[in-house]
N, C-alpha and C. Protein backbone atom coordinates (compact mmCIF):
# COMPACT_ATOMS: atom_id res chain seq x y z
N UNK A 1 32.85 2.55 13.35
CA UNK A 1 31.65 2.88 12.60
C UNK A 1 30.44 2.62 13.47
N UNK A 2 29.56 3.52 13.42
CA UNK A 2 28.36 3.46 14.23
C UNK A 2 27.50 2.27 13.82
N UNK A 3 26.97 1.56 14.79
CA UNK A 3 26.05 0.47 14.52
C UNK A 3 24.64 0.97 14.71
N UNK A 4 23.78 0.67 13.78
CA UNK A 4 22.41 1.16 13.83
C UNK A 4 21.48 -0.01 14.06
N UNK A 5 20.58 0.15 15.00
CA UNK A 5 19.56 -0.87 15.23
C UNK A 5 18.26 -0.35 14.65
N UNK A 6 17.85 -0.90 13.53
CA UNK A 6 16.59 -0.52 12.90
C UNK A 6 15.46 -0.93 13.83
N UNK A 7 15.57 -2.09 14.35
CA UNK A 7 14.73 -2.64 15.40
C UNK A 7 15.52 -3.83 15.90
N UNK A 8 15.24 -4.30 17.07
CA UNK A 8 16.02 -5.43 17.57
C UNK A 8 15.96 -6.61 16.62
N UNK A 9 14.81 -6.80 16.02
CA UNK A 9 14.68 -7.93 15.10
C UNK A 9 15.44 -7.73 13.81
N UNK A 10 15.86 -6.47 13.52
CA UNK A 10 16.58 -6.21 12.28
C UNK A 10 18.08 -6.29 12.46
N UNK A 11 18.56 -6.46 13.68
CA UNK A 11 20.00 -6.57 13.89
C UNK A 11 20.48 -7.80 13.16
N UNK A 12 21.52 -7.64 12.34
CA UNK A 12 22.00 -8.75 11.54
C UNK A 12 22.62 -9.79 12.45
N UNK A 13 22.13 -11.00 12.36
CA UNK A 13 22.57 -12.05 13.27
C UNK A 13 23.85 -12.70 12.78
N UNK A 14 24.72 -13.02 13.71
CA UNK A 14 25.93 -13.78 13.40
C UNK A 14 25.63 -15.25 13.64
N UNK A 15 26.33 -16.10 12.95
CA UNK A 15 26.14 -17.53 13.08
C UNK A 15 27.25 -18.07 13.98
N UNK A 16 26.88 -18.79 15.02
CA UNK A 16 27.86 -19.39 15.92
C UNK A 16 28.12 -20.82 15.45
N UNK A 17 29.39 -21.13 15.23
CA UNK A 17 29.76 -22.45 14.74
C UNK A 17 30.66 -23.12 15.78
N UNK A 18 30.22 -24.23 16.38
CA UNK A 18 31.09 -24.91 17.33
C UNK A 18 32.24 -25.59 16.59
N UNK A 19 33.45 -25.39 17.09
CA UNK A 19 34.61 -26.00 16.47
C UNK A 19 35.65 -26.27 17.54
N UNK A 20 35.92 -27.53 17.77
CA UNK A 20 36.90 -27.92 18.78
C UNK A 20 36.58 -27.33 20.15
N UNK A 21 35.29 -27.22 20.46
CA UNK A 21 34.90 -26.70 21.76
C UNK A 21 34.96 -25.19 21.86
N UNK A 22 35.32 -24.48 20.79
CA UNK A 22 35.42 -23.02 20.79
C UNK A 22 34.35 -22.47 19.86
N UNK A 23 33.63 -21.48 20.33
CA UNK A 23 32.63 -20.83 19.47
C UNK A 23 33.31 -19.83 18.56
N UNK A 24 33.10 -19.99 17.26
CA UNK A 24 33.64 -19.05 16.28
C UNK A 24 32.47 -18.30 15.65
N UNK A 25 32.64 -17.02 15.43
CA UNK A 25 31.58 -16.22 14.82
C UNK A 25 31.91 -16.03 13.35
N UNK A 26 30.97 -16.44 12.51
CA UNK A 26 31.13 -16.25 11.07
C UNK A 26 30.23 -15.11 10.64
N UNK A 27 30.78 -14.15 9.96
CA UNK A 27 30.00 -13.00 9.52
C UNK A 27 29.14 -13.36 8.31
N UNK A 28 27.98 -12.73 8.25
CA UNK A 28 27.14 -12.86 7.07
C UNK A 28 27.81 -12.08 5.93
N UNK A 29 27.43 -12.35 4.69
CA UNK A 29 28.00 -11.57 3.57
C UNK A 29 27.80 -10.06 3.74
N UNK A 30 26.65 -9.65 4.26
CA UNK A 30 26.44 -8.21 4.45
C UNK A 30 27.35 -7.66 5.54
N UNK A 31 27.55 -8.40 6.62
CA UNK A 31 28.47 -7.95 7.67
C UNK A 31 29.88 -7.79 7.11
N UNK A 32 30.29 -8.72 6.26
CA UNK A 32 31.62 -8.62 5.64
C UNK A 32 31.71 -7.36 4.79
N UNK A 33 30.65 -7.06 4.04
CA UNK A 33 30.61 -5.86 3.20
C UNK A 33 30.71 -4.60 4.06
N UNK A 34 29.91 -4.55 5.13
CA UNK A 34 29.91 -3.37 6.02
C UNK A 34 31.22 -3.21 6.77
N UNK A 35 31.86 -4.30 7.11
CA UNK A 35 33.09 -4.24 7.89
C UNK A 35 34.33 -3.99 7.04
N UNK A 36 34.16 -3.89 5.74
CA UNK A 36 35.28 -3.60 4.85
C UNK A 36 35.81 -2.20 5.15
N UNK A 37 37.12 -2.04 5.05
CA UNK A 37 37.72 -0.74 5.33
C UNK A 37 37.28 0.33 4.33
N UNK A 38 36.81 -0.08 3.16
CA UNK A 38 36.38 0.91 2.16
C UNK A 38 34.90 1.30 2.30
N UNK A 39 34.16 0.64 3.17
CA UNK A 39 32.73 0.90 3.30
C UNK A 39 32.39 2.38 3.53
N UNK A 40 33.12 3.09 4.40
CA UNK A 40 32.73 4.48 4.65
C UNK A 40 32.80 5.39 3.42
N UNK A 41 33.53 5.00 2.39
CA UNK A 41 33.69 5.88 1.23
C UNK A 41 33.20 5.27 -0.08
N UNK A 42 32.97 3.98 -0.10
CA UNK A 42 32.67 3.32 -1.37
C UNK A 42 31.27 3.65 -1.90
N UNK A 43 31.16 3.59 -3.21
CA UNK A 43 29.86 3.70 -3.86
C UNK A 43 29.38 2.33 -4.32
N UNK A 44 30.09 1.29 -3.88
CA UNK A 44 29.69 -0.07 -4.24
C UNK A 44 28.35 -0.41 -3.60
N UNK A 45 27.70 -1.39 -4.20
CA UNK A 45 26.38 -1.83 -3.74
C UNK A 45 26.46 -3.29 -3.31
N UNK A 46 25.83 -3.60 -2.18
CA UNK A 46 25.66 -4.99 -1.75
C UNK A 46 24.27 -5.44 -2.17
N UNK A 47 24.19 -6.59 -2.82
CA UNK A 47 22.90 -7.18 -3.21
C UNK A 47 22.91 -8.65 -2.87
N UNK A 48 21.89 -9.11 -2.17
CA UNK A 48 21.70 -10.52 -1.88
C UNK A 48 20.56 -10.99 -2.80
N UNK A 49 20.94 -11.53 -3.94
CA UNK A 49 19.94 -11.88 -4.97
C UNK A 49 18.97 -12.95 -4.49
N UNK A 50 19.46 -13.92 -3.71
CA UNK A 50 18.57 -14.97 -3.20
C UNK A 50 17.52 -14.36 -2.28
N UNK A 51 17.95 -13.46 -1.42
CA UNK A 51 17.02 -12.80 -0.52
C UNK A 51 16.04 -11.92 -1.29
N UNK A 52 16.52 -11.23 -2.31
CA UNK A 52 15.64 -10.38 -3.12
C UNK A 52 14.56 -11.19 -3.83
N UNK A 53 14.87 -12.42 -4.20
CA UNK A 53 13.86 -13.26 -4.86
C UNK A 53 12.70 -13.56 -3.91
N UNK A 54 12.96 -13.55 -2.61
CA UNK A 54 11.89 -13.82 -1.64
C UNK A 54 11.17 -12.54 -1.21
N UNK A 55 11.63 -11.40 -1.69
CA UNK A 55 11.05 -10.11 -1.29
C UNK A 55 9.70 -9.89 -1.96
N UNK A 56 8.80 -9.31 -1.17
CA UNK A 56 7.53 -8.84 -1.73
C UNK A 56 7.15 -7.59 -0.96
N UNK A 57 6.12 -6.93 -1.38
CA UNK A 57 5.80 -5.63 -0.79
C UNK A 57 5.33 -5.72 0.66
N UNK A 58 5.12 -6.93 1.16
CA UNK A 58 4.66 -7.05 2.55
C UNK A 58 5.77 -7.43 3.53
N UNK A 59 6.97 -7.75 3.04
CA UNK A 59 8.05 -8.17 3.97
C UNK A 59 9.29 -7.29 3.86
N UNK A 60 9.14 -6.06 3.38
CA UNK A 60 10.29 -5.17 3.21
C UNK A 60 10.18 -3.93 4.09
N UNK A 61 11.34 -3.37 4.42
CA UNK A 61 11.47 -2.11 5.15
C UNK A 61 12.71 -1.42 4.61
N UNK A 62 12.78 -0.10 4.80
CA UNK A 62 13.91 0.67 4.30
C UNK A 62 14.53 1.45 5.46
N UNK A 63 15.86 1.50 5.48
CA UNK A 63 16.61 2.29 6.45
C UNK A 63 17.49 3.27 5.69
N UNK A 64 17.44 4.55 6.06
CA UNK A 64 18.30 5.58 5.50
C UNK A 64 19.21 6.08 6.61
N UNK A 65 20.52 6.02 6.40
CA UNK A 65 21.49 6.47 7.39
C UNK A 65 22.14 7.76 6.88
N UNK A 66 21.80 8.88 7.52
CA UNK A 66 22.31 10.17 7.07
C UNK A 66 23.81 10.31 7.31
N UNK A 67 24.32 9.72 8.39
CA UNK A 67 25.76 9.81 8.68
C UNK A 67 26.59 9.07 7.64
N UNK A 68 26.15 7.89 7.27
CA UNK A 68 26.89 7.07 6.30
C UNK A 68 26.54 7.39 4.85
N UNK A 69 25.41 8.12 4.64
CA UNK A 69 24.90 8.35 3.28
C UNK A 69 24.72 7.00 2.57
N UNK A 70 24.03 6.10 3.27
CA UNK A 70 23.73 4.77 2.76
C UNK A 70 22.25 4.48 3.01
N UNK A 71 21.68 3.65 2.16
CA UNK A 71 20.31 3.17 2.33
C UNK A 71 20.36 1.65 2.31
N UNK A 72 19.43 1.03 3.02
CA UNK A 72 19.35 -0.42 3.06
C UNK A 72 17.91 -0.86 2.88
N UNK A 73 17.72 -1.86 2.04
CA UNK A 73 16.41 -2.52 1.91
C UNK A 73 16.49 -3.81 2.71
N UNK A 74 15.59 -3.93 3.69
CA UNK A 74 15.50 -5.15 4.49
C UNK A 74 14.40 -6.03 3.93
N UNK A 75 14.67 -7.32 3.86
CA UNK A 75 13.68 -8.32 3.49
C UNK A 75 13.62 -9.32 4.62
N UNK A 76 12.45 -9.46 5.23
CA UNK A 76 12.30 -10.38 6.36
C UNK A 76 13.41 -10.14 7.39
N UNK A 77 13.68 -8.89 7.68
CA UNK A 77 14.64 -8.46 8.71
C UNK A 77 16.09 -8.75 8.38
N UNK A 78 16.41 -8.98 7.12
CA UNK A 78 17.79 -9.15 6.68
C UNK A 78 18.09 -8.14 5.57
N UNK A 79 19.34 -7.69 5.50
CA UNK A 79 19.70 -6.69 4.49
C UNK A 79 19.82 -7.38 3.13
N UNK A 80 18.99 -6.93 2.20
CA UNK A 80 19.02 -7.46 0.84
C UNK A 80 19.79 -6.54 -0.10
N UNK A 81 19.72 -5.22 0.15
CA UNK A 81 20.47 -4.24 -0.64
C UNK A 81 21.04 -3.20 0.33
N UNK A 82 22.29 -2.84 0.11
CA UNK A 82 22.94 -1.75 0.85
C UNK A 82 23.58 -0.88 -0.23
N UNK A 83 23.11 0.36 -0.36
CA UNK A 83 23.51 1.20 -1.48
C UNK A 83 23.83 2.62 -1.03
N UNK A 84 24.64 3.33 -1.80
CA UNK A 84 24.89 4.73 -1.47
C UNK A 84 23.65 5.57 -1.77
N UNK A 85 23.53 6.67 -1.05
CA UNK A 85 22.46 7.62 -1.34
C UNK A 85 22.99 9.02 -1.06
N UNK A 86 22.25 10.01 -1.48
CA UNK A 86 22.61 11.40 -1.19
C UNK A 86 21.38 12.08 -0.61
N UNK A 87 21.53 12.65 0.57
CA UNK A 87 20.40 13.24 1.27
C UNK A 87 20.55 14.77 1.32
N UNK A 88 19.70 15.42 2.11
CA UNK A 88 19.62 16.88 2.12
C UNK A 88 20.86 17.60 2.60
N UNK A 89 21.22 18.63 1.85
CA UNK A 89 22.39 19.46 2.18
C UNK A 89 22.05 20.43 3.30
N UNK A 90 23.07 21.16 3.75
CA UNK A 90 22.88 22.14 4.82
C UNK A 90 21.76 23.11 4.47
N UNK A 91 20.88 23.35 5.41
CA UNK A 91 19.75 24.23 5.19
C UNK A 91 18.53 23.53 4.64
N UNK A 92 18.73 22.32 4.13
CA UNK A 92 17.62 21.54 3.57
C UNK A 92 17.75 20.08 3.98
N UNK A 93 18.13 19.88 5.23
CA UNK A 93 18.41 18.54 5.74
C UNK A 93 17.21 17.61 5.64
N UNK A 94 17.50 16.37 5.31
CA UNK A 94 16.47 15.33 5.30
C UNK A 94 16.05 15.08 6.74
N UNK A 95 14.75 15.07 7.02
CA UNK A 95 14.31 14.86 8.41
C UNK A 95 14.54 13.42 8.87
N UNK A 96 14.77 13.26 10.16
CA UNK A 96 14.92 11.93 10.73
C UNK A 96 13.58 11.49 11.32
N UNK A 97 13.46 10.19 11.56
CA UNK A 97 12.25 9.66 12.19
C UNK A 97 11.70 8.47 11.44
N UNK A 98 10.49 8.10 11.83
CA UNK A 98 9.79 6.97 11.24
C UNK A 98 8.77 7.48 10.23
N UNK A 99 8.85 6.94 9.03
CA UNK A 99 7.98 7.35 7.94
C UNK A 99 7.36 6.11 7.28
N UNK A 100 6.41 6.36 6.42
CA UNK A 100 5.85 5.31 5.56
C UNK A 100 5.78 5.88 4.15
N UNK A 101 5.94 5.03 3.17
CA UNK A 101 5.75 5.46 1.78
C UNK A 101 4.27 5.78 1.63
N UNK A 102 3.97 7.01 1.21
CA UNK A 102 2.57 7.43 1.10
C UNK A 102 2.06 7.43 -0.34
N UNK A 103 2.97 7.46 -1.31
CA UNK A 103 2.57 7.33 -2.71
C UNK A 103 3.79 6.91 -3.52
N UNK A 104 3.53 6.28 -4.65
CA UNK A 104 4.59 5.82 -5.55
C UNK A 104 4.20 6.21 -6.97
N UNK A 105 5.13 6.88 -7.67
CA UNK A 105 4.88 7.28 -9.05
C UNK A 105 6.16 6.99 -9.84
N UNK A 106 6.09 6.11 -10.80
CA UNK A 106 7.29 5.69 -11.54
C UNK A 106 7.88 6.81 -12.39
N UNK A 107 7.05 7.73 -12.88
CA UNK A 107 7.52 8.77 -13.79
C UNK A 107 7.19 10.18 -13.29
N UNK A 108 7.35 10.42 -12.03
CA UNK A 108 7.02 11.72 -11.42
C UNK A 108 7.93 12.84 -11.93
N UNK A 109 7.37 14.05 -11.97
CA UNK A 109 8.14 15.26 -12.24
C UNK A 109 7.94 16.22 -11.08
N UNK A 110 8.98 16.99 -10.78
CA UNK A 110 8.94 17.91 -9.66
C UNK A 110 7.95 19.04 -9.91
N UNK A 111 7.27 19.45 -8.84
CA UNK A 111 6.37 20.61 -8.90
C UNK A 111 7.12 21.91 -8.64
N UNK A 112 8.37 21.80 -8.16
CA UNK A 112 9.13 22.98 -7.75
C UNK A 112 10.37 23.20 -8.59
N UNK A 113 11.16 22.15 -8.79
CA UNK A 113 12.43 22.28 -9.50
C UNK A 113 12.27 21.84 -10.95
N UNK A 114 12.77 22.69 -11.85
CA UNK A 114 12.66 22.36 -13.26
C UNK A 114 13.12 23.52 -14.12
N UNK A 115 12.60 23.57 -15.34
CA UNK A 115 13.00 24.60 -16.30
C UNK A 115 11.78 25.40 -16.74
N UNK A 116 11.95 26.72 -16.77
CA UNK A 116 10.90 27.63 -17.23
C UNK A 116 11.23 28.09 -18.64
N UNK A 117 10.21 28.15 -19.49
CA UNK A 117 10.39 28.53 -20.90
C UNK A 117 9.51 29.73 -21.24
N UNK A 118 10.03 30.53 -22.16
CA UNK A 118 9.22 31.61 -22.73
C UNK A 118 9.47 31.61 -24.23
N UNK A 119 8.40 31.53 -25.00
CA UNK A 119 8.47 31.47 -26.46
C UNK A 119 9.37 30.31 -26.92
N UNK A 120 9.27 29.21 -26.21
CA UNK A 120 10.01 28.00 -26.59
C UNK A 120 11.46 27.95 -26.17
N UNK A 121 11.94 28.98 -25.48
CA UNK A 121 13.34 29.02 -25.06
C UNK A 121 13.44 29.01 -23.54
N UNK A 122 14.41 28.26 -23.00
CA UNK A 122 14.55 28.25 -21.55
C UNK A 122 15.01 29.61 -21.02
N UNK A 123 14.35 30.07 -19.96
CA UNK A 123 14.71 31.35 -19.36
C UNK A 123 15.22 31.19 -17.92
N UNK A 124 14.97 30.02 -17.32
CA UNK A 124 15.41 29.82 -15.94
C UNK A 124 15.38 28.33 -15.62
N UNK A 125 16.35 27.89 -14.84
CA UNK A 125 16.38 26.51 -14.36
C UNK A 125 16.64 26.47 -12.87
N UNK A 126 15.88 25.67 -12.16
CA UNK A 126 16.06 25.56 -10.71
C UNK A 126 14.73 25.65 -9.99
N UNK A 127 14.75 26.28 -8.82
CA UNK A 127 13.57 26.44 -7.98
C UNK A 127 12.70 27.55 -8.59
N UNK A 128 11.58 27.18 -9.16
CA UNK A 128 10.77 28.18 -9.87
C UNK A 128 10.17 29.22 -8.95
N UNK A 129 10.14 28.95 -7.65
CA UNK A 129 9.63 29.94 -6.70
C UNK A 129 10.56 31.15 -6.59
N UNK A 130 11.79 30.99 -7.03
CA UNK A 130 12.78 32.07 -6.94
C UNK A 130 12.85 32.92 -8.21
N UNK A 131 12.03 32.59 -9.21
CA UNK A 131 12.07 33.32 -10.48
C UNK A 131 10.95 34.35 -10.50
N UNK A 132 11.31 35.61 -10.77
CA UNK A 132 10.33 36.70 -10.78
C UNK A 132 9.85 37.08 -12.18
N UNK A 133 10.50 36.57 -13.21
CA UNK A 133 10.14 36.95 -14.58
C UNK A 133 8.91 36.22 -15.09
N UNK A 134 8.59 36.49 -16.33
CA UNK A 134 7.42 35.84 -16.94
C UNK A 134 7.88 34.60 -17.71
N UNK A 135 6.98 33.67 -17.83
CA UNK A 135 7.23 32.44 -18.59
C UNK A 135 5.89 31.88 -19.04
N UNK A 136 5.94 31.02 -20.05
CA UNK A 136 4.68 30.44 -20.53
C UNK A 136 4.65 28.91 -20.42
N UNK A 137 5.78 28.31 -19.95
CA UNK A 137 5.79 26.84 -19.82
C UNK A 137 6.77 26.45 -18.71
N UNK A 138 6.38 25.47 -17.95
CA UNK A 138 7.24 24.91 -16.90
C UNK A 138 7.34 23.41 -17.11
N UNK A 139 8.57 22.87 -17.08
CA UNK A 139 8.78 21.43 -17.17
C UNK A 139 9.56 21.01 -15.92
N UNK A 140 8.91 20.26 -15.06
CA UNK A 140 9.53 19.82 -13.82
C UNK A 140 10.65 18.82 -14.06
N UNK A 141 11.64 18.85 -13.19
CA UNK A 141 12.74 17.88 -13.26
C UNK A 141 12.19 16.47 -13.03
N UNK A 142 12.75 15.52 -13.75
CA UNK A 142 12.30 14.13 -13.63
C UNK A 142 12.74 13.55 -12.29
N UNK A 143 11.84 12.85 -11.63
CA UNK A 143 12.09 12.15 -10.36
C UNK A 143 11.63 10.70 -10.50
N UNK A 144 12.34 9.92 -11.34
CA UNK A 144 11.89 8.54 -11.57
C UNK A 144 11.87 7.71 -10.29
N UNK A 145 10.93 6.78 -10.24
CA UNK A 145 10.77 5.87 -9.10
C UNK A 145 10.51 6.63 -7.80
N UNK A 146 9.66 7.64 -7.88
CA UNK A 146 9.32 8.50 -6.75
C UNK A 146 8.55 7.71 -5.69
N UNK A 147 9.03 7.80 -4.44
CA UNK A 147 8.36 7.21 -3.28
C UNK A 147 8.26 8.30 -2.22
N UNK A 148 7.07 8.89 -2.09
CA UNK A 148 6.86 10.01 -1.17
C UNK A 148 6.86 9.54 0.27
N UNK A 149 7.53 10.36 1.14
CA UNK A 149 7.59 10.06 2.57
C UNK A 149 6.90 11.11 3.42
N UNK A 150 6.73 12.33 2.91
CA UNK A 150 6.14 13.39 3.72
C UNK A 150 5.30 14.32 2.84
N UNK A 151 4.41 15.05 3.51
CA UNK A 151 3.55 15.98 2.78
C UNK A 151 4.29 17.20 2.28
N UNK A 152 5.50 17.46 2.82
CA UNK A 152 6.25 18.62 2.36
C UNK A 152 7.28 18.27 1.29
N UNK A 153 7.06 17.18 0.58
CA UNK A 153 7.83 16.90 -0.62
C UNK A 153 9.08 16.06 -0.45
N UNK A 154 9.27 15.43 0.69
CA UNK A 154 10.44 14.57 0.88
C UNK A 154 10.11 13.17 0.37
N UNK A 155 11.03 12.61 -0.40
CA UNK A 155 10.82 11.27 -0.91
C UNK A 155 12.12 10.64 -1.37
N UNK A 156 12.03 9.40 -1.78
CA UNK A 156 13.17 8.67 -2.36
C UNK A 156 12.95 8.61 -3.86
N UNK A 157 14.03 8.76 -4.64
CA UNK A 157 13.89 8.70 -6.08
C UNK A 157 15.24 8.48 -6.74
N UNK A 158 15.22 8.17 -8.03
CA UNK A 158 16.46 8.01 -8.80
C UNK A 158 17.07 9.38 -9.11
N UNK A 159 18.39 9.40 -9.09
CA UNK A 159 19.13 10.58 -9.56
C UNK A 159 20.50 10.12 -10.03
N UNK A 160 21.00 10.78 -11.05
CA UNK A 160 22.37 10.49 -11.47
C UNK A 160 23.37 11.20 -10.57
N UNK A 161 22.87 12.07 -9.67
CA UNK A 161 23.74 12.82 -8.75
C UNK A 161 23.69 12.19 -7.36
N UNK A 162 24.30 11.02 -7.24
CA UNK A 162 24.38 10.34 -5.95
C UNK A 162 25.83 10.38 -5.51
N UNK A 163 26.09 11.20 -4.49
CA UNK A 163 27.44 11.36 -3.95
C UNK A 163 27.45 10.79 -2.54
N UNK A 164 28.61 10.60 -1.98
CA UNK A 164 28.70 10.12 -0.60
C UNK A 164 28.72 11.30 0.37
N UNK A 165 27.97 12.35 0.05
CA UNK A 165 27.81 13.48 0.95
C UNK A 165 26.43 14.09 0.69
N UNK A 166 25.87 14.80 1.67
CA UNK A 166 24.55 15.40 1.48
C UNK A 166 24.58 16.45 0.37
N UNK A 167 23.67 16.35 -0.60
CA UNK A 167 23.69 17.29 -1.72
C UNK A 167 22.32 17.58 -2.30
N UNK A 168 21.27 16.97 -1.75
CA UNK A 168 19.94 17.17 -2.33
C UNK A 168 19.21 18.31 -1.62
N UNK A 169 18.00 18.57 -2.06
CA UNK A 169 17.16 19.58 -1.42
C UNK A 169 16.25 18.96 -0.36
N UNK A 170 16.65 17.81 0.15
CA UNK A 170 15.90 17.13 1.21
C UNK A 170 15.52 15.71 0.87
N UNK A 171 15.40 15.41 -0.41
CA UNK A 171 15.04 14.06 -0.82
C UNK A 171 16.22 13.10 -0.66
N UNK A 172 15.92 11.82 -0.81
CA UNK A 172 16.94 10.78 -0.77
C UNK A 172 17.17 10.31 -2.20
N UNK A 173 18.31 10.70 -2.76
CA UNK A 173 18.66 10.31 -4.13
C UNK A 173 19.31 8.93 -4.11
N UNK A 174 18.93 8.09 -5.07
CA UNK A 174 19.47 6.73 -5.14
C UNK A 174 19.85 6.39 -6.57
N UNK A 175 20.84 5.49 -6.73
CA UNK A 175 21.24 5.09 -8.08
C UNK A 175 20.30 4.03 -8.66
N UNK A 176 20.38 3.89 -9.97
CA UNK A 176 19.68 2.84 -10.67
C UNK A 176 20.67 1.71 -10.87
N UNK A 177 20.36 0.43 -10.84
CA UNK A 177 19.01 -0.13 -10.82
C UNK A 177 18.45 -0.35 -9.41
N UNK A 178 19.23 -0.03 -8.38
CA UNK A 178 18.79 -0.34 -7.02
C UNK A 178 17.48 0.35 -6.65
N UNK A 179 17.32 1.63 -7.03
CA UNK A 179 16.08 2.32 -6.68
C UNK A 179 14.89 1.68 -7.40
N UNK A 180 15.10 1.18 -8.59
CA UNK A 180 13.99 0.51 -9.29
C UNK A 180 13.61 -0.79 -8.58
N UNK A 181 14.60 -1.47 -8.01
CA UNK A 181 14.32 -2.69 -7.24
C UNK A 181 13.56 -2.34 -5.98
N UNK A 182 14.00 -1.29 -5.27
CA UNK A 182 13.30 -0.86 -4.06
C UNK A 182 11.87 -0.45 -4.40
N UNK A 183 11.70 0.28 -5.49
CA UNK A 183 10.37 0.69 -5.94
C UNK A 183 9.48 -0.53 -6.16
N UNK A 184 10.03 -1.56 -6.80
CA UNK A 184 9.26 -2.76 -7.12
C UNK A 184 8.94 -3.60 -5.89
N UNK A 185 9.81 -3.56 -4.89
CA UNK A 185 9.68 -4.46 -3.74
C UNK A 185 9.00 -3.80 -2.54
N UNK A 186 8.54 -2.56 -2.68
CA UNK A 186 7.84 -1.87 -1.60
C UNK A 186 6.44 -1.52 -2.05
N UNK A 187 5.68 -0.95 -1.13
CA UNK A 187 4.30 -0.56 -1.43
C UNK A 187 3.95 0.69 -0.63
N UNK A 188 2.83 1.29 -0.92
CA UNK A 188 2.32 2.36 -0.08
C UNK A 188 2.09 1.75 1.30
N UNK A 189 2.71 2.35 2.31
CA UNK A 189 2.62 1.81 3.66
C UNK A 189 3.90 1.16 4.16
N UNK A 190 4.87 0.90 3.25
CA UNK A 190 6.15 0.33 3.67
C UNK A 190 6.85 1.27 4.64
N UNK A 191 7.40 0.71 5.71
CA UNK A 191 8.08 1.51 6.73
C UNK A 191 9.45 1.97 6.23
N UNK A 192 9.76 3.24 6.51
CA UNK A 192 11.06 3.81 6.19
C UNK A 192 11.55 4.53 7.44
N UNK A 193 12.73 4.16 7.91
CA UNK A 193 13.32 4.82 9.09
C UNK A 193 14.53 5.61 8.64
N UNK A 194 14.60 6.89 9.06
CA UNK A 194 15.73 7.75 8.72
C UNK A 194 16.44 8.12 10.02
N UNK A 195 17.74 7.80 10.08
CA UNK A 195 18.52 8.01 11.30
C UNK A 195 19.75 8.85 11.00
N UNK A 196 20.29 9.49 12.05
CA UNK A 196 21.55 10.25 11.94
C UNK A 196 22.73 9.31 12.03
């Protein structure tokens, strides 16, 4: 499994314990979770509750790993949450690079994806830019815990459709309650790194 360095300071440290003159390496709870044989496929979540209690919007960072379809919330350079996510599918890949959260809206609705109505009845669901007919009402799809990362509509948000494969239109879908915790523990300006 590929090892990702968010930054040198974010590399999870091992504890060296002297014992009978031999150095033994003891893994942190997160290292044990990551090194599990089921990690590449599991939808399980790692949470360090003690570390989360010390989290605030000034000591957190987020890492999104497109290869693993996992997201991690770092608190003071240690992994506090490691959770599954679903990123952009073929043709709508989530961009890689360094980002910052530029806005946060707890109850956001999509400006593009949703349902179109005419005379009170739904006439189309999906990307409204692809609909050529007439309508009199548009209701955007709910994007709870929206955290915008780019001007072209990429962000992190809650979705019930979190698979261990890319399936979104570019956004990073996350399960609840983890996304609500990330929303609460970050701020506008929090660093987010997206890697392959």
